[in-house]
C-alpha atoms as a PDB file:
ATOM      1  CA  GLU A   1    -148.065  17.928  73.616  1.00  0.00           C
ATOM      2  CA  LYS A   2    -146.842  15.681  76.423  1.00  0.00           C
ATOM      3  CA  LYS A   3    -143.612  13.753  75.837  1.00  0.00           C
ATOM      4  CA  GLU A   4    -143.989  10.036  76.491  1.00  0.00           C
ATOM      5  CA  SER A   5    -141.863   8.376  79.141  1.00  0.00           C
ATOM      6  CA  TYR A   6    -140.066   5.171  78.176  1.00  0.00           C
ATOM      7  CA  THR A   7    -139.047   4.092  81.649  1.00  0.00           C
ATOM      8  CA  SER A   8    -142.197   2.199  82.600  1.00  0.00           C
ATOM      9  CA  GLU A   9    -142.709  -1.409  81.631  1.00  0.00           C
ATOM     10  CA  GLU A  10    -145.928  -0.357  79.892  1.00  0.00           C
ATOM     11  CA  SER A  11    -143.807   1.350  77.210  1.00  0.00           C
ATOM     12  CA  PHE A  12    -143.053  -2.053  75.686  1.00  0.00           C
ATOM     13  CA  ILE A  13    -144.982  -5.247  75.058  1.00  0.00           C
ATOM     14  CA  ILE A  14    -142.736  -8.241  75.763  1.00  0.00           C
ATOM     15  CA  PHE A  15    -144.089 -11.595  74.587  1.00  0.00           C
ATOM     16  CA  PRO A  16    -144.644 -14.516  74.578  1.00  0.00           C
ATOM     17  CA  VAL A  17    -144.420 -15.207  78.304  1.00  0.00           C
ATOM     18  CA  PRO A  18    -142.948 -17.723  78.834  1.00  0.00           C
ATOM     19  CA  VAL A  19    -140.757 -17.625  75.711  1.00  0.00           C
ATOM     20  CA  GLN A  20    -141.464 -20.556  73.389  1.00  0.00           C
ATOM     21  CA  GLN A  21    -139.511 -21.778  70.336  1.00  0.00           C
ATOM     22  CA  GLY A  22    -136.681 -19.511  71.500  1.00  0.00           C
ATOM     23  CA  ILE A  23    -138.127 -16.285  70.024  1.00  0.00           C
ATOM     24  CA  LEU A  24    -138.761 -13.254  72.226  1.00  0.00           C
ATOM     25  CA  LYS A  25    -140.608 -10.300  70.708  1.00  0.00           C
ATOM     26  CA  ILE A  26    -140.380  -6.736  71.973  1.00  0.00           C
ATOM     27  CA  THR A  27    -142.875  -4.186  70.680  1.00  0.00           C
ATOM     28  CA  PRO A  28    -142.476  -0.511  71.607  1.00  0.00           C
ATOM     29  CA  LEU A  29    -145.536   1.600  72.227  1.00  0.00           C
ATOM     30  CA  LEU A  30    -144.297   4.678  70.379  1.00  0.00           C
ATOM     31  CA  LYS A  31    -146.236   7.142  68.284  1.00  0.00           C
ATOM     32  CA  ASN A  32    -144.288   8.460  65.288  1.00  0.00           C
ATOM     33  CA  GLU A  33    -141.069   8.433  67.272  1.00  0.00           C
ATOM     34  CA  LYS A  34    -137.741   6.658  67.159  1.00  0.00           C
ATOM     35  CA  THR A  35    -135.757   5.670  70.201  1.00  0.00           C
ATOM     36  CA  ASN A  36    -132.429   3.891  70.518  1.00  0.00           C
ATOM     37  CA  CYS A  37    -132.328   1.218  73.188  1.00  0.00           C
ATOM     38  CA  GLN A  38    -129.778  -1.225  74.467  1.00  0.00           C
ATOM     39  CA  ILE A  39    -131.209  -4.683  75.023  1.00  0.00           C
ATOM     40  CA  GLU A  40    -129.391  -7.030  77.378  1.00  0.00           C
ATOM     41  CA  ILE A  41    -130.489 -10.492  78.441  1.00  0.00           C
ATOM     42  CA  SER A  42    -128.484 -12.249  81.124  1.00  0.00           C
ATOM     43  CA  ASP A  43    -128.774 -15.327  83.281  1.00  0.00           C
ATOM     44  CA  LEU A  44    -129.345 -15.094  87.016  1.00  0.00           C
ATOM     45  CA  TYR A  45    -125.563 -15.029  87.566  1.00  0.00           C
ATOM     46  CA  GLY A  46    -125.222 -11.892  85.445  1.00  0.00           C
ATOM     47  CA  LYS A  47    -123.672 -13.573  82.385  1.00  0.00           C
ATOM     48  CA  ALA A  48    -125.001 -11.889  79.240  1.00  0.00           C
ATOM     49  CA  ILE A  49    -126.470 -14.205  76.608  1.00  0.00           C
ATOM     50  CA  TYR A  50    -127.665 -11.374  74.340  1.00  0.00           C
ATOM     51  CA  LEU A  51    -126.590  -7.751  73.922  1.00  0.00           C
ATOM     52  CA  SER A  52    -127.636  -5.404  71.136  1.00  0.00           C
ATOM     53  CA  GLU A  53    -128.428  -1.798  70.272  1.00  0.00           C
ATOM     54  CA  ILE A  54    -131.829  -1.503  68.637  1.00  0.00           C
ATOM     55  CA  GLU A  55    -133.541   1.487  67.099  1.00  0.00           C
ATOM     56  CA  PHE A  56    -137.244   1.140  67.782  1.00  0.00           C
ATOM     57  CA  TYR A  57    -139.720   3.020  65.627  1.00  0.00           C
ATOM     58  CA  ASN A  58    -143.479   3.324  66.141  1.00  0.00           C
ATOM     59  CA  ASN A  59    -145.011  -0.055  67.033  1.00  0.00           C
ATOM     60  CA  ILE A  60    -142.634  -2.183  64.964  1.00  0.00           C
ATOM     61  CA  SER A  61    -141.719  -5.421  66.774  1.00  0.00           C
ATOM     62  CA  HIS A  62    -138.194  -6.686  67.128  1.00  0.00           C
ATOM     63  CA  SER A  63    -137.583 -10.438  67.427  1.00  0.00           C
ATOM     64  CA  ILE A  64    -134.707 -11.843  69.444  1.00  0.00           C
ATOM     65  CA  ASP A  65    -133.555 -15.407  68.797  1.00  0.00           C
ATOM     66  CA  LEU A  66    -132.731 -17.091  72.100  1.00  0.00           C
ATOM     67  CA  SER A  67    -132.851 -20.653  70.787  1.00  0.00           C
ATOM     68  CA  HIS A  68    -129.155 -21.103  71.700  1.00  0.00           C
ATOM     69  CA  ALA A  69    -129.899 -20.518  75.398  1.00  0.00           C
ATOM     70  CA  ALA A  70    -130.774 -23.241  77.899  1.00  0.00           C
ATOM     71  CA  PRO A  71    -134.287 -23.261  79.368  1.00  0.00           C
ATOM     72  CA  GLY A  72    -134.553 -21.239  82.570  1.00  0.00           C
ATOM     73  CA  THR A  73    -135.079 -17.794  84.022  1.00  0.00           C
ATOM     74  CA  TYR A  74    -133.272 -14.780  82.584  1.00  0.00           C
ATOM     75  CA  VAL A  75    -133.262 -11.047  83.189  1.00  0.00           C
ATOM     76  CA  LEU A  76    -134.176  -8.704  80.343  1.00  0.00           C
ATOM     77  CA  VAL A  77    -132.946  -5.117  80.661  1.00  0.00           C
ATOM     78  CA  ILE A  78    -134.035  -2.453  78.200  1.00  0.00           C
ATOM     79  CA  LYS A  79    -131.963   0.721  78.561  1.00  0.00           C
ATOM     80  CA  THR A  80    -133.742   3.711  77.063  1.00  0.00           C
ATOM     81  CA  PRO A  81    -132.588   7.331  76.870  1.00  0.00           C
ATOM     82  CA  SER A  82    -134.654   8.069  79.980  1.00  0.00           C
ATOM     83  CA  GLY A  83    -134.092   5.002  82.140  1.00  0.00           C
ATOM     84  CA  LYS A  84    -134.127   1.221  82.467  1.00  0.00           C
ATOM     85  CA  ILE A  85    -136.767  -1.470  82.352  1.00  0.00           C
ATOM     86  CA  ARG A  86    -135.928  -4.758  84.071  1.00  0.00           C
ATOM     87  CA  LYS A  87    -138.087  -7.855  83.618  1.00  0.00           C
ATOM     88  CA  ALA A  88    -137.653 -11.545  84.384  1.00  0.00           C
ATOM     89  CA  ILE A  89    -138.305 -13.812  81.413  1.00  0.00           C
ATOM     90  CA  ILE A  90    -138.633 -17.576  81.324  1.00  0.00           C
ATOM     91  CA  LEU A  91    -137.373 -19.695  78.445  1.00  0.00           C
ATOM     92  CA  GLN A  92    -139.117 -23.026  77.992  1.00  0.00           C
END
């Protein structure tokens, strides 16, 4: 059985794009597996507005409340045991 790689962006569904009502959802595409990830969201100057360790399991979504953040463009980084995913997100 082939071990899945978590380093590609396709390993997670990140929605809605752009983020509305301040809630970002991250859904892992895992099959009967757990993985610990570090989630960091920072502004374009590198200042972190969110940082958390999350244990993802199967296809269970995790919601992140960003309602405290100003509208704009941010960088989402998901650090997995096998690499990093970096994605720009827009808060409306």
